[in-house]
Amino acid sequence: WATTGRVDNVYGDRNLICTLLPVSEMAEEKAATA
């Protein structure tokens, strides 16, 4: 595997945090950039 930066070493590896934007915000960004 390729080396990657770790979020929080062992804690980050075992407790992954997903930071996804709400669908409404994504729609607003698409409208703003279109």
PDB file of N, CA and C in Angstrom:
ATOM      1  N   TRP A   1       0.838  -1.197   0.000  1.00  0.00           N
ATOM      2  CA  TRP A   1       0.000   0.000   0.000  1.00  0.00           C
ATOM      3  C   TRP A   1       0.869   1.243   0.000  1.00  0.00           C
ATOM      4  N   ALA A   2       0.348   2.276  -0.612  1.00  0.00           N
ATOM      5  CA  ALA A   2       1.069   3.548  -0.619  1.00  0.00           C
ATOM      6  C   ALA A   2       0.966   4.210   0.750  1.00  0.00           C
ATOM      7  N   THR A   3       1.992   4.965   1.103  1.00  0.00           N
ATOM      8  CA  THR A   3       1.967   5.645   2.397  1.00  0.00           C
ATOM      9  C   THR A   3       1.015   6.836   2.332  1.00  0.00           C
ATOM     10  N   THR A   4       0.286   7.042   3.418  1.00  0.00           N
ATOM     11  CA  THR A   4      -0.654   8.162   3.487  1.00  0.00           C
ATOM     12  C   THR A   4      -0.512   8.855   4.828  1.00  0.00           C
ATOM     13  N   GLY A   5      -0.947  10.098   4.898  1.00  0.00           N
ATOM     14  CA  GLY A   5      -0.952  10.822   6.161  1.00  0.00           C
ATOM     15  C   GLY A   5      -2.082  10.312   7.036  1.00  0.00           C
ATOM     16  N   ARG A   6      -1.817  10.154   8.303  1.00  0.00           N
ATOM     17  CA  ARG A   6      -2.833   9.635   9.209  1.00  0.00           C
ATOM     18  C   ARG A   6      -3.591  10.773   9.869  1.00  0.00           C
ATOM     19  N   VAL A   7      -4.868  10.510  10.148  1.00  0.00           N
ATOM     20  CA  VAL A   7      -5.712  11.530  10.760  1.00  0.00           C
ATOM     21  C   VAL A   7      -5.266  11.780  12.191  1.00  0.00           C
ATOM     22  N   ASP A   8      -5.246  10.742  13.002  1.00  0.00           N
ATOM     23  CA  ASP A   8      -4.887  10.882  14.414  1.00  0.00           C
ATOM     24  C   ASP A   8      -4.167   9.614  14.860  1.00  0.00           C
ATOM     25  N   ASN A   9      -3.184   9.182  14.073  1.00  0.00           N
ATOM     26  CA  ASN A   9      -2.437   7.965  14.345  1.00  0.00           C
ATOM     27  C   ASN A   9      -3.367   6.796  14.616  1.00  0.00           C
ATOM     28  N   VAL A  10      -3.174   6.066  15.707  1.00  0.00           N
ATOM     29  CA  VAL A  10      -3.955   4.857  15.962  1.00  0.00           C
ATOM     30  C   VAL A  10      -5.418   5.190  16.194  1.00  0.00           C
ATOM     31  N   TYR A  11      -5.704   6.270  16.918  1.00  0.00           N
ATOM     32  CA  TYR A  11      -7.102   6.621  17.188  1.00  0.00           C
ATOM     33  C   TYR A  11      -7.840   6.906  15.888  1.00  0.00           C
ATOM     34  N   GLY A  12      -7.225   7.656  15.004  1.00  0.00           N
ATOM     35  CA  GLY A  12      -7.855   7.987  13.731  1.00  0.00           C
ATOM     36  C   GLY A  12      -8.042   6.764  12.847  1.00  0.00           C
ATOM     37  N   ASP A  13      -7.101   5.809  12.935  1.00  0.00           N
ATOM     38  CA  ASP A  13      -7.221   4.594  12.133  1.00  0.00           C
ATOM     39  C   ASP A  13      -8.405   3.752  12.591  1.00  0.00           C
ATOM     40  N   ARG A  14      -8.668   3.741  13.881  1.00  0.00           N
ATOM     41  CA  ARG A  14      -9.727   2.882  14.419  1.00  0.00           C
ATOM     42  C   ARG A  14     -11.069   3.587  14.500  1.00  0.00           C
ATOM     43  N   ASN A  15     -11.068   4.906  14.513  1.00  0.00           N
ATOM     44  CA  ASN A  15     -12.312   5.672  14.613  1.00  0.00           C
ATOM     45  C   ASN A  15     -12.364   6.663  13.459  1.00  0.00           C
ATOM     46  N   LEU A  16     -12.721   6.140  12.288  1.00  0.00           N
ATOM     47  CA  LEU A  16     -12.728   6.990  11.099  1.00  0.00           C
ATOM     48  C   LEU A  16     -13.849   8.010  11.183  1.00  0.00           C
ATOM     49  N   ILE A  17     -13.544   9.226  10.777  1.00  0.00           N
ATOM     50  CA  ILE A  17     -14.529  10.305  10.807  1.00  0.00           C
ATOM     51  C   ILE A  17     -14.836  10.706   9.370  1.00  0.00           C
ATOM     52  N   CYS A  18     -16.103  10.702   9.031  1.00  0.00           N
ATOM     53  CA  CYS A  18     -16.526  11.068   7.686  1.00  0.00           C
ATOM     54  C   CYS A  18     -17.057  12.498   7.713  1.00  0.00           C
ATOM     55  N   THR A  19     -16.484  13.358   6.877  1.00  0.00           N
ATOM     56  CA  THR A  19     -16.905  14.761   6.866  1.00  0.00           C
ATOM     57  C   THR A  19     -17.532  15.096   5.525  1.00  0.00           C
ATOM     58  N   LEU A  20     -18.748  14.642   5.320  1.00  0.00           N
ATOM     59  CA  LEU A  20     -19.459  14.920   4.082  1.00  0.00           C
ATOM     60  C   LEU A  20     -20.387  16.114   4.272  1.00  0.00           C
ATOM     61  N   LEU A  21     -20.514  16.918   3.229  1.00  0.00           N
ATOM     62  CA  LEU A  21     -21.434  18.052   3.284  1.00  0.00           C
ATOM     63  C   LEU A  21     -22.863  17.565   3.083  1.00  0.00           C
ATOM     64  N   PRO A  22     -23.825  18.243   3.672  1.00  0.00           N
ATOM     65  CA  PRO A  22     -25.225  17.920   3.408  1.00  0.00           C
ATOM     66  C   PRO A  22     -25.539  18.113   1.931  1.00  0.00           C
ATOM     67  N   VAL A  23     -26.523  17.383   1.438  1.00  0.00           N
ATOM     68  CA  VAL A  23     -26.883  17.444   0.022  1.00  0.00           C
ATOM     69  C   VAL A  23     -27.286  18.858  -0.375  1.00  0.00           C
ATOM     70  N   SER A  24     -27.984  19.568   0.507  1.00  0.00           N
ATOM     71  CA  SER A  24     -28.435  20.925   0.189  1.00  0.00           C
ATOM     72  C   SER A  24     -27.246  21.855  -0.066  1.00  0.00           C
ATOM     73  N   GLU A  25     -26.179  21.710   0.722  1.00  0.00           N
ATOM     74  CA  GLU A  25     -25.008  22.563   0.527  1.00  0.00           C
ATOM     75  C   GLU A  25     -24.311  22.237  -0.786  1.00  0.00           C
ATOM     76  N   MET A  26     -24.264  20.956  -1.138  1.00  0.00           N
ATOM     77  CA  MET A  26     -23.634  20.561  -2.391  1.00  0.00           C
ATOM     78  C   MET A  26     -24.412  21.131  -3.569  1.00  0.00           C
ATOM     79  N   ALA A  27     -25.734  21.127  -3.473  1.00  0.00           N
ATOM     80  CA  ALA A  27     -26.576  21.665  -4.540  1.00  0.00           C
ATOM     81  C   ALA A  27     -26.343  23.171  -4.687  1.00  0.00           C
ATOM     82  N   GLU A  28     -26.195  23.864  -3.562  1.00  0.00           N
ATOM     83  CA  GLU A  28     -25.954  25.308  -3.603  1.00  0.00           C
ATOM     84  C   GLU A  28     -24.606  25.613  -4.250  1.00  0.00           C
ATOM     85  N   GLU A  29     -23.591  24.801  -3.923  1.00  0.00           N
ATOM     86  CA  GLU A  29     -22.273  25.013  -4.501  1.00  0.00           C
ATOM     87  C   GLU A  29     -22.304  24.783  -6.009  1.00  0.00           C
ATOM     88  N   LYS A  30     -23.019  23.749  -6.448  1.00  0.00           N
ATOM     89  CA  LYS A  30     -23.123  23.479  -7.886  1.00  0.00           C
ATOM     90  C   LYS A  30     -23.800  24.643  -8.596  1.00  0.00           C
ATOM     91  N   ALA A  31     -24.850  25.174  -7.994  1.00  0.00           N
ATOM     92  CA  ALA A  31     -25.580  26.287  -8.597  1.00  0.00           C
ATOM     93  C   ALA A  31     -24.688  27.535  -8.660  1.00  0.00           C
ATOM     94  N   ALA A  32     -23.863  27.725  -7.646  1.00  0.00           N
ATOM     95  CA  ALA A  32     -23.012  28.909  -7.594  1.00  0.00           C
ATOM     96  C   ALA A  32     -21.886  28.833  -8.624  1.00  0.00           C
ATOM     97  N   THR A  33     -21.387  27.624  -8.879  1.00  0.00           N
ATOM     98  CA  THR A  33     -20.261  27.477  -9.805  1.00  0.00           C
ATOM     99  C   THR A  33     -20.719  27.289 -11.244  1.00  0.00           C
ATOM    100  N   ALA A  34     -21.998  26.988 -11.451  1.00  0.00           N
ATOM    101  CA  ALA A  34     -22.491  26.741 -12.818  1.00  0.00           C
ATOM    102  C   ALA A  34     -22.691  28.036 -13.584  1.00  0.00           C
TER     103      ALA A  34
END
